[in-house]
PDB file of all heavy atoms in Angstrom:
ATOM      1  N   TYR A   1       4.957  19.006 -38.957  1.00  0.00           N
ATOM      2  CA  TYR A   1       4.610  17.588 -38.987  1.00  0.00           C
ATOM      3  C   TYR A   1       5.854  16.700 -38.868  1.00  0.00           C
ATOM      4  O   TYR A   1       5.779  15.570 -38.385  1.00  0.00           O
ATOM      5  CB  TYR A   1       3.876  17.250 -40.287  1.00  0.00           C
ATOM      6  CG  TYR A   1       2.525  17.911 -40.421  1.00  0.00           C
ATOM      7  CD1 TYR A   1       2.400  19.171 -41.011  1.00  0.00           C
ATOM      8  CD2 TYR A   1       1.370  17.295 -39.953  1.00  0.00           C
ATOM      9  CE1 TYR A   1       1.162  19.789 -41.133  1.00  0.00           C
ATOM     10  CE2 TYR A   1       0.122  17.903 -40.076  1.00  0.00           C
ATOM     11  CZ  TYR A   1       0.032  19.157 -40.667  1.00  0.00           C
ATOM     12  OH  TYR A   1      -1.193  19.763 -40.780  1.00  0.00           O
ATOM     13  N   LEU A   2       6.991  17.203 -39.326  1.00  0.00           N
ATOM     14  CA  LEU A   2       8.226  16.422 -39.302  1.00  0.00           C
ATOM     15  C   LEU A   2       8.950  16.494 -37.956  1.00  0.00           C
ATOM     16  O   LEU A   2       9.646  15.548 -37.573  1.00  0.00           O
ATOM     17  CB  LEU A   2       9.170  16.911 -40.409  1.00  0.00           C
ATOM     18  CG  LEU A   2       8.688  16.727 -41.845  1.00  0.00           C
ATOM     19  CD1 LEU A   2       9.676  17.377 -42.816  1.00  0.00           C
ATOM     20  CD2 LEU A   2       8.522  15.246 -42.168  1.00  0.00           C
ATOM     21  N   TYR A   3       8.775  17.596 -37.252  1.00  0.00           N
ATOM     22  CA  TYR A   3       9.508  17.832 -36.003  1.00  0.00           C
ATOM     23  C   TYR A   3       9.386  16.673 -35.014  1.00  0.00           C
ATOM     24  O   TYR A   3      10.409  16.197 -34.486  1.00  0.00           O
ATOM     25  CB  TYR A   3       9.025  19.137 -35.368  1.00  0.00           C
ATOM     26  CG  TYR A   3       9.737  19.525 -34.093  1.00  0.00           C
ATOM     27  CD1 TYR A   3      10.735  20.495 -34.107  1.00  0.00           C
ATOM     28  CD2 TYR A   3       9.417  18.941 -32.876  1.00  0.00           C
ATOM     29  CE1 TYR A   3      11.385  20.858 -32.935  1.00  0.00           C
ATOM     30  CE2 TYR A   3      10.060  19.291 -31.712  1.00  0.00           C
ATOM     31  CZ  TYR A   3      11.046  20.252 -31.740  1.00  0.00           C
ATOM     32  OH  TYR A   3      11.692  20.597 -30.578  1.00  0.00           O
ATOM     33  N   PRO A   4       8.177  16.178 -34.690  1.00  0.00           N
ATOM     34  CA  PRO A   4       8.069  15.099 -33.699  1.00  0.00           C
ATOM     35  C   PRO A   4       8.808  13.832 -34.109  1.00  0.00           C
ATOM     36  O   PRO A   4       9.402  13.154 -33.269  1.00  0.00           O
ATOM     37  CB  PRO A   4       6.558  14.842 -33.614  1.00  0.00           C
ATOM     38  CG  PRO A   4       5.916  16.064 -34.152  1.00  0.00           C
ATOM     39  CD  PRO A   4       6.847  16.577 -35.196  1.00  0.00           C
ATOM     40  N   PHE A   5       8.775  13.518 -35.409  1.00  0.00           N
ATOM     41  CA  PHE A   5       9.479  12.333 -35.891  1.00  0.00           C
ATOM     42  C   PHE A   5      10.991  12.513 -35.743  1.00  0.00           C
ATOM     43  O   PHE A   5      11.704  11.572 -35.367  1.00  0.00           O
ATOM     44  CB  PHE A   5       9.114  12.061 -37.354  1.00  0.00           C
ATOM     45  CG  PHE A   5       7.691  11.644 -37.561  1.00  0.00           C
ATOM     46  CD1 PHE A   5       6.722  12.588 -37.870  1.00  0.00           C
ATOM     47  CD2 PHE A   5       7.311  10.317 -37.440  1.00  0.00           C
ATOM     48  CE1 PHE A   5       5.401  12.216 -38.063  1.00  0.00           C
ATOM     49  CE2 PHE A   5       5.993   9.936 -37.626  1.00  0.00           C
ATOM     50  CZ  PHE A   5       5.033  10.878 -37.934  1.00  0.00           C
ATOM     51  N   GLY A   6      11.474  13.716 -36.041  1.00  0.00           N
ATOM     52  CA  GLY A   6      12.898  13.989 -35.907  1.00  0.00           C
ATOM     53  C   GLY A   6      13.353  13.902 -34.465  1.00  0.00           C
ATOM     54  O   GLY A   6      14.413  13.330 -34.166  1.00  0.00           O
ATOM     55  N   GLU A   7      12.567  14.451 -33.550  1.00  0.00           N
ATOM     56  CA  GLU A   7      12.925  14.416 -32.129  1.00  0.00           C
ATOM     57  C   GLU A   7      12.948  12.984 -31.607  1.00  0.00           C
ATOM     58  O   GLU A   7      13.889  12.583 -30.915  1.00  0.00           O
ATOM     59  CB  GLU A   7      11.939  15.260 -31.324  1.00  0.00           C
ATOM     60  CG  GLU A   7      12.268  15.327 -29.838  1.00  0.00           C
ATOM     61  CD  GLU A   7      11.352  16.256 -29.081  1.00  0.00           C
ATOM     62  OE1 GLU A   7      10.183  16.422 -29.498  1.00  0.00           O
ATOM     63  OE2 GLU A   7      11.794  16.827 -28.065  1.00  0.00           O
ATOM     64  N   ALA A   8      11.913  12.211 -31.940  1.00  0.00           N
ATOM     65  CA  ALA A   8      11.845  10.826 -31.471  1.00  0.00           C
ATOM     66  C   ALA A   8      12.968   9.981 -32.073  1.00  0.00           C
ATOM     67  O   ALA A   8      13.589   9.166 -31.378  1.00  0.00           O
ATOM     68  CB  ALA A   8      10.487  10.224 -31.807  1.00  0.00           C
ATOM     69  N   LEU A   9      13.230  10.164 -33.374  1.00  0.00           N
ATOM     70  CA  LEU A   9      14.284   9.411 -34.033  1.00  0.00           C
ATOM     71  C   LEU A   9      15.642   9.700 -33.408  1.00  0.00           C
ATOM     72  O   LEU A   9      16.413   8.780 -33.102  1.00  0.00           O
ATOM     73  CB  LEU A   9      14.323   9.754 -35.522  1.00  0.00           C
ATOM     74  CG  LEU A   9      15.506   9.161 -36.320  1.00  0.00           C
ATOM     75  CD1 LEU A   9      15.427   7.638 -36.334  1.00  0.00           C
ATOM     76  CD2 LEU A   9      15.532   9.727 -37.738  1.00  0.00           C
ATOM     77  N   ALA A  10      15.951  10.981 -33.196  1.00  0.00           N
ATOM     78  CA  ALA A  10      17.231  11.356 -32.592  1.00  0.00           C
ATOM     79  C   ALA A  10      17.358  10.768 -31.194  1.00  0.00           C
ATOM     80  O   ALA A  10      18.428  10.282 -30.800  1.00  0.00           O
ATOM     81  CB  ALA A  10      17.362  12.877 -32.546  1.00  0.00           C
ATOM     82  N   GLY A  11      16.256  10.786 -30.438  1.00  0.00           N
ATOM     83  CA  GLY A  11      16.283  10.227 -29.086  1.00  0.00           C
ATOM     84  C   GLY A  11      16.560   8.739 -29.086  1.00  0.00           C
ATOM     85  O   GLY A  11      17.380   8.241 -28.295  1.00  0.00           O
ATOM     86  N   VAL A  12      15.889   7.989 -29.973  1.00  0.00           N
ATOM     87  CA  VAL A  12      16.092   6.540 -30.047  1.00  0.00           C
ATOM     88  C   VAL A  12      17.536   6.212 -30.425  1.00  0.00           C
ATOM     89  O   VAL A  12      18.170   5.333 -29.819  1.00  0.00           O
ATOM     90  CB  VAL A  12      15.117   5.920 -31.074  1.00  0.00           C
ATOM     91  CG1 VAL A  12      15.494   4.469 -31.360  1.00  0.00           C
ATOM     92  CG2 VAL A  12      13.687   6.002 -30.559  1.00  0.00           C
ATOM     93  N   LEU A  13      18.077   6.897 -31.414  1.00  0.00           N
ATOM     94  CA  LEU A  13      19.451   6.628 -31.853  1.00  0.00           C
ATOM     95  C   LEU A  13      20.457   6.985 -30.764  1.00  0.00           C
ATOM     96  O   LEU A  13      21.469   6.291 -30.590  1.00  0.00           O
ATOM     97  CB  LEU A  13      19.758   7.415 -33.129  1.00  0.00           C
ATOM     98  CG  LEU A  13      18.961   6.993 -34.374  1.00  0.00           C
ATOM     99  CD1 LEU A  13      19.333   7.881 -35.560  1.00  0.00           C
ATOM    100  CD2 LEU A  13      19.204   5.531 -34.707  1.00  0.00           C
ATOM    101  N   MET A  14      20.174   8.049 -30.000  1.00  0.00           N
ATOM    102  CA  MET A  14      21.090   8.439 -28.922  1.00  0.00           C
ATOM    103  C   MET A  14      21.029   7.461 -27.756  1.00  0.00           C
ATOM    104  O   MET A  14      22.036   7.239 -27.077  1.00  0.00           O
ATOM    105  CB  MET A  14      20.773   9.856 -28.465  1.00  0.00           C
ATOM    106  CG  MET A  14      21.194  10.918 -29.464  1.00  0.00           C
ATOM    107  SD  MET A  14      20.749  12.582 -28.954  1.00  0.00           S
ATOM    108  CE  MET A  14      21.526  13.553 -30.252  1.00  0.00           C
ATOM    109  N   ILE A  15      19.869   6.875 -27.501  1.00  0.00           N
ATOM    110  CA  ILE A  15      19.788   5.838 -26.474  1.00  0.00           C
ATOM    111  C   ILE A  15      20.672   4.656 -26.869  1.00  0.00           C
ATOM    112  O   ILE A  15      21.407   4.094 -26.050  1.00  0.00           O
ATOM    113  CB  ILE A  15      18.327   5.367 -26.285  1.00  0.00           C
ATOM    114  CG1 ILE A  15      17.485   6.456 -25.627  1.00  0.00           C
ATOM    115  CG2 ILE A  15      18.279   4.092 -25.431  1.00  0.00           C
ATOM    116  CD1 ILE A  15      16.008   6.145 -25.540  1.00  0.00           C
ATOM    117  N   ALA A  16      20.600   4.283 -28.144  1.00  0.00           N
ATOM    118  CA  ALA A  16      21.387   3.150 -28.634  1.00  0.00           C
ATOM    119  C   ALA A  16      22.850   3.511 -28.855  1.00  0.00           C
ATOM    120  O   ALA A  16      23.702   2.620 -28.942  1.00  0.00           O
ATOM    121  CB  ALA A  16      20.786   2.637 -29.943  1.00  0.00           C
ATOM    122  N   GLY A  17      23.150   4.802 -28.973  1.00  0.00           N
ATOM    123  CA  GLY A  17      24.512   5.208 -29.306  1.00  0.00           C
ATOM    124  C   GLY A  17      24.869   4.813 -30.720  1.00  0.00           C
ATOM    125  O   GLY A  17      26.032   4.568 -31.041  1.00  0.00           O
ATOM    126  N   ALA A  18      23.846   4.764 -31.595  1.00  0.00           N
ATOM    127  CA  ALA A  18      24.050   4.299 -32.976  1.00  0.00           C
ATOM    128  C   ALA A  18      23.672   5.386 -33.970  1.00  0.00           C
ATOM    129  O   ALA A  18      22.806   6.220 -33.693  1.00  0.00           O
ATOM    130  CB  ALA A  18      23.204   3.048 -33.226  1.00  0.00           C
ATOM    131  N   LEU A  19      24.320   5.355 -35.120  1.00  0.00           N
ATOM    132  CA  LEU A  19      24.040   6.293 -36.208  1.00  0.00           C
ATOM    133  C   LEU A  19      24.018   7.740 -35.705  1.00  0.00           C
ATOM    134  O   LEU A  19      23.150   8.534 -36.065  1.00  0.00           O
ATOM    135  CB  LEU A  19      22.700   5.945 -36.875  1.00  0.00           C
ATOM    136  CG  LEU A  19      22.587   4.558 -37.506  1.00  0.00           C
ATOM    137  CD1 LEU A  19      21.181   4.346 -38.068  1.00  0.00           C
ATOM    138  CD2 LEU A  19      23.631   4.381 -38.593  1.00  0.00           C
ATOM    139  N   ILE A  20      25.000   8.074 -34.885  1.00  0.00           N
ATOM    140  CA  ILE A  20      25.067   9.421 -34.332  1.00  0.00           C
ATOM    141  C   ILE A  20      25.279  10.453 -35.431  1.00  0.00           C
ATOM    142  O   ILE A  20      24.890  11.617 -35.287  1.00  0.00           O
ATOM    143  CB  ILE A  20      26.197   9.505 -33.278  1.00  0.00           C
ATOM    144  CG1 ILE A  20      25.881   8.554 -32.109  1.00  0.00           C
ATOM    145  CG2 ILE A  20      26.357  10.921 -32.750  1.00  0.00           C
ATOM    146  CD1 ILE A  20      24.545   8.827 -31.441  1.00  0.00           C
ATOM    147  N   TRP A  21      25.856  10.026 -36.547  1.00  0.00           N
ATOM    148  CA  TRP A  21      26.039  10.955 -37.677  1.00  0.00           C
ATOM    149  C   TRP A  21      24.700  11.391 -38.264  1.00  0.00           C
ATOM    150  O   TRP A  21      24.621  12.379 -38.988  1.00  0.00           O
ATOM    151  CB  TRP A  21      26.926  10.324 -38.749  1.00  0.00           C
ATOM    152  CG  TRP A  21      26.409   9.027 -39.308  1.00  0.00           C
ATOM    153  CD1 TRP A  21      26.618   7.779 -38.811  1.00  0.00           C
ATOM    154  CD2 TRP A  21      25.603   8.866 -40.481  1.00  0.00           C
ATOM    155  NE1 TRP A  21      25.983   6.827 -39.586  1.00  0.00           N
ATOM    156  CE2 TRP A  21      25.342   7.470 -40.627  1.00  0.00           C
ATOM    157  CE3 TRP A  21      25.066   9.739 -41.422  1.00  0.00           C
ATOM    158  CZ2 TRP A  21      24.589   6.957 -41.653  1.00  0.00           C
ATOM    159  CZ3 TRP A  21      24.315   9.220 -42.466  1.00  0.00           C
ATOM    160  CH2 TRP A  21      24.073   7.851 -42.575  1.00  0.00           C
ATOM    161  N   ILE A  22      23.628  10.651 -37.949  1.00  0.00           N
ATOM    162  CA  ILE A  22      22.275  11.075 -38.316  1.00  0.00           C
ATOM    163  C   ILE A  22      21.612  11.806 -37.152  1.00  0.00           C
ATOM    164  O   ILE A  22      21.043  12.887 -37.316  1.00  0.00           O
ATOM    165  CB  ILE A  22      21.404   9.862 -38.717  1.00  0.00           C
ATOM    166  CG1 ILE A  22      21.931   9.224 -40.002  1.00  0.00           C
ATOM    167  CG2 ILE A  22      19.940  10.285 -38.896  1.00  0.00           C
ATOM    168  CD1 ILE A  22      21.161   7.973 -40.414  1.00  0.00           C
ATOM    169  N   ALA A  23      21.691  11.216 -35.961  1.00  0.00           N
ATOM    170  CA  ALA A  23      21.006  11.766 -34.791  1.00  0.00           C
ATOM    171  C   ALA A  23      21.502  13.154 -34.415  1.00  0.00           C
ATOM    172  O   ALA A  23      20.700  14.050 -34.119  1.00  0.00           O
ATOM    173  CB  ALA A  23      21.168  10.817 -33.602  1.00  0.00           C
ATOM    174  N   ALA A  24      22.818  13.357 -34.440  1.00  0.00           N
ATOM    175  CA  ALA A  24      23.377  14.633 -33.983  1.00  0.00           C
ATOM    176  C   ALA A  24      22.951  15.810 -34.866  1.00  0.00           C
ATOM    177  O   ALA A  24      22.490  16.835 -34.345  1.00  0.00           O
ATOM    178  CB  ALA A  24      24.904  14.532 -33.908  1.00  0.00           C
ATOM    179  N   PRO A  25      23.081  15.711 -36.188  1.00  0.00           N
ATOM    180  CA  PRO A  25      22.634  16.836 -37.018  1.00  0.00           C
ATOM    181  C   PRO A  25      21.144  17.126 -36.893  1.00  0.00           C
ATOM    182  O   PRO A  25      20.731  18.293 -36.880  1.00  0.00           O
ATOM    183  CB  PRO A  25      22.987  16.390 -38.446  1.00  0.00           C
ATOM    184  CG  PRO A  25      24.068  15.392 -38.278  1.00  0.00           C
ATOM    185  CD  PRO A  25      23.745  14.676 -36.998  1.00  0.00           C
ATOM    186  N   VAL A  26      20.319  16.069 -36.797  1.00  0.00           N
ATOM    187  CA  VAL A  26      18.871  16.275 -36.650  1.00  0.00           C
ATOM    188  C   VAL A  26      18.572  17.009 -35.351  1.00  0.00           C
ATOM    189  O   VAL A  26      17.827  17.998 -35.330  1.00  0.00           O
ATOM    190  CB  VAL A  26      18.122  14.927 -36.690  1.00  0.00           C
ATOM    191  CG1 VAL A  26      16.659  15.111 -36.297  1.00  0.00           C
ATOM    192  CG2 VAL A  26      18.210  14.305 -38.080  1.00  0.00           C
ATOM    193  N   ALA A  27      19.160  16.534 -34.252  1.00  0.00           N
ATOM    194  CA  ALA A  27      18.912  17.154 -32.952  1.00  0.00           C
ATOM    195  C   ALA A  27      19.448  18.582 -32.909  1.00  0.00           C
ATOM    196  O   ALA A  27      18.805  19.485 -32.340  1.00  0.00           O
ATOM    197  CB  ALA A  27      19.557  16.319 -31.847  1.00  0.00           C
ATOM    198  N   LEU A  28      20.619  18.803 -33.502  1.00  0.00           N
ATOM    199  CA  LEU A  28      21.206  20.143 -33.492  1.00  0.00           C
ATOM    200  C   LEU A  28      20.349  21.115 -34.296  1.00  0.00           C
ATOM    201  O   LEU A  28      20.116  22.257 -33.878  1.00  0.00           O
ATOM    202  CB  LEU A  28      22.624  20.100 -34.070  1.00  0.00           C
ATOM    203  CG  LEU A  28      23.382  21.427 -34.044  1.00  0.00           C
ATOM    204  CD1 LEU A  28      23.579  21.915 -32.609  1.00  0.00           C
ATOM    205  CD2 LEU A  28      24.735  21.271 -34.732  1.00  0.00           C
ATOM    206  N   PHE A  29      19.844  20.651 -35.427  1.00  0.00           N
ATOM    207  CA  PHE A  29      19.040  21.524 -36.281  1.00  0.00           C
ATOM    208  C   PHE A  29      17.733  21.903 -35.603  1.00  0.00           C
ATOM    209  O   PHE A  29      17.420  23.092 -35.461  1.00  0.00           O
ATOM    210  CB  PHE A  29      18.761  20.838 -37.628  1.00  0.00           C
ATOM    211  CG  PHE A  29      17.924  21.676 -38.556  1.00  0.00           C
ATOM    212  CD1 PHE A  29      18.501  22.688 -39.299  1.00  0.00           C
ATOM    213  CD2 PHE A  29      16.556  21.449 -38.674  1.00  0.00           C
ATOM    214  CE1 PHE A  29      17.730  23.473 -40.154  1.00  0.00           C
ATOM    215  CE2 PHE A  29      15.776  22.224 -39.521  1.00  0.00           C
ATOM    216  CZ  PHE A  29      16.363  23.236 -40.264  1.00  0.00           C
ATOM    217  N   ILE A  30      16.950  20.899 -35.189  1.00  0.00           N
ATOM    218  CA  ILE A  30      15.639  21.220 -34.615  1.00  0.00           C
ATOM    219  C   ILE A  30      15.785  21.905 -33.259  1.00  0.00           C
ATOM    220  O   ILE A  30      14.968  22.752 -32.884  1.00  0.00           O
ATOM    221  CB  ILE A  30      14.748  19.965 -34.503  1.00  0.00           C
ATOM    222  CG1 ILE A  30      15.340  18.931 -33.543  1.00  0.00           C
ATOM    223  CG2 ILE A  30      14.507  19.359 -35.861  1.00  0.00           C
ATOM    224  CD1 ILE A  30      14.464  17.695 -33.369  1.00  0.00           C
ATOM    225  N   GLY A  31      16.850  21.567 -32.521  1.00  0.00           N
ATOM    226  CA  GLY A  31      17.071  22.220 -31.232  1.00  0.00           C
ATOM    227  C   GLY A  31      17.428  23.687 -31.385  1.00  0.00           C
ATOM    228  O   GLY A  31      16.943  24.546 -30.652  1.00  0.00           O
ATOM    229  N   THR A  32      18.289  23.988 -32.362  1.00  0.00           N
ATOM    230  CA  THR A  32      18.708  25.371 -32.576  1.00  0.00           C
ATOM    231  C   THR A  32      17.554  26.227 -33.073  1.00  0.00           C
ATOM    232  O   THR A  32      17.327  27.334 -32.567  1.00  0.00           O
ATOM    233  CB  THR A  32      19.868  25.422 -33.588  1.00  0.00           C
ATOM    234  OG1 THR A  32      20.967  24.638 -33.112  1.00  0.00           O
ATOM    235  CG2 THR A  32      20.344  26.861 -33.784  1.00  0.00           C
TER     236      THR A  32
END
């Protein structure tokens, strides 16, 4: 249930180039 929210959140932050310290760990975790 959490996975889609994490993917969308990481994508939005990466588009903005903001809060990468949040986006990068989330994307790395769920991606791995």
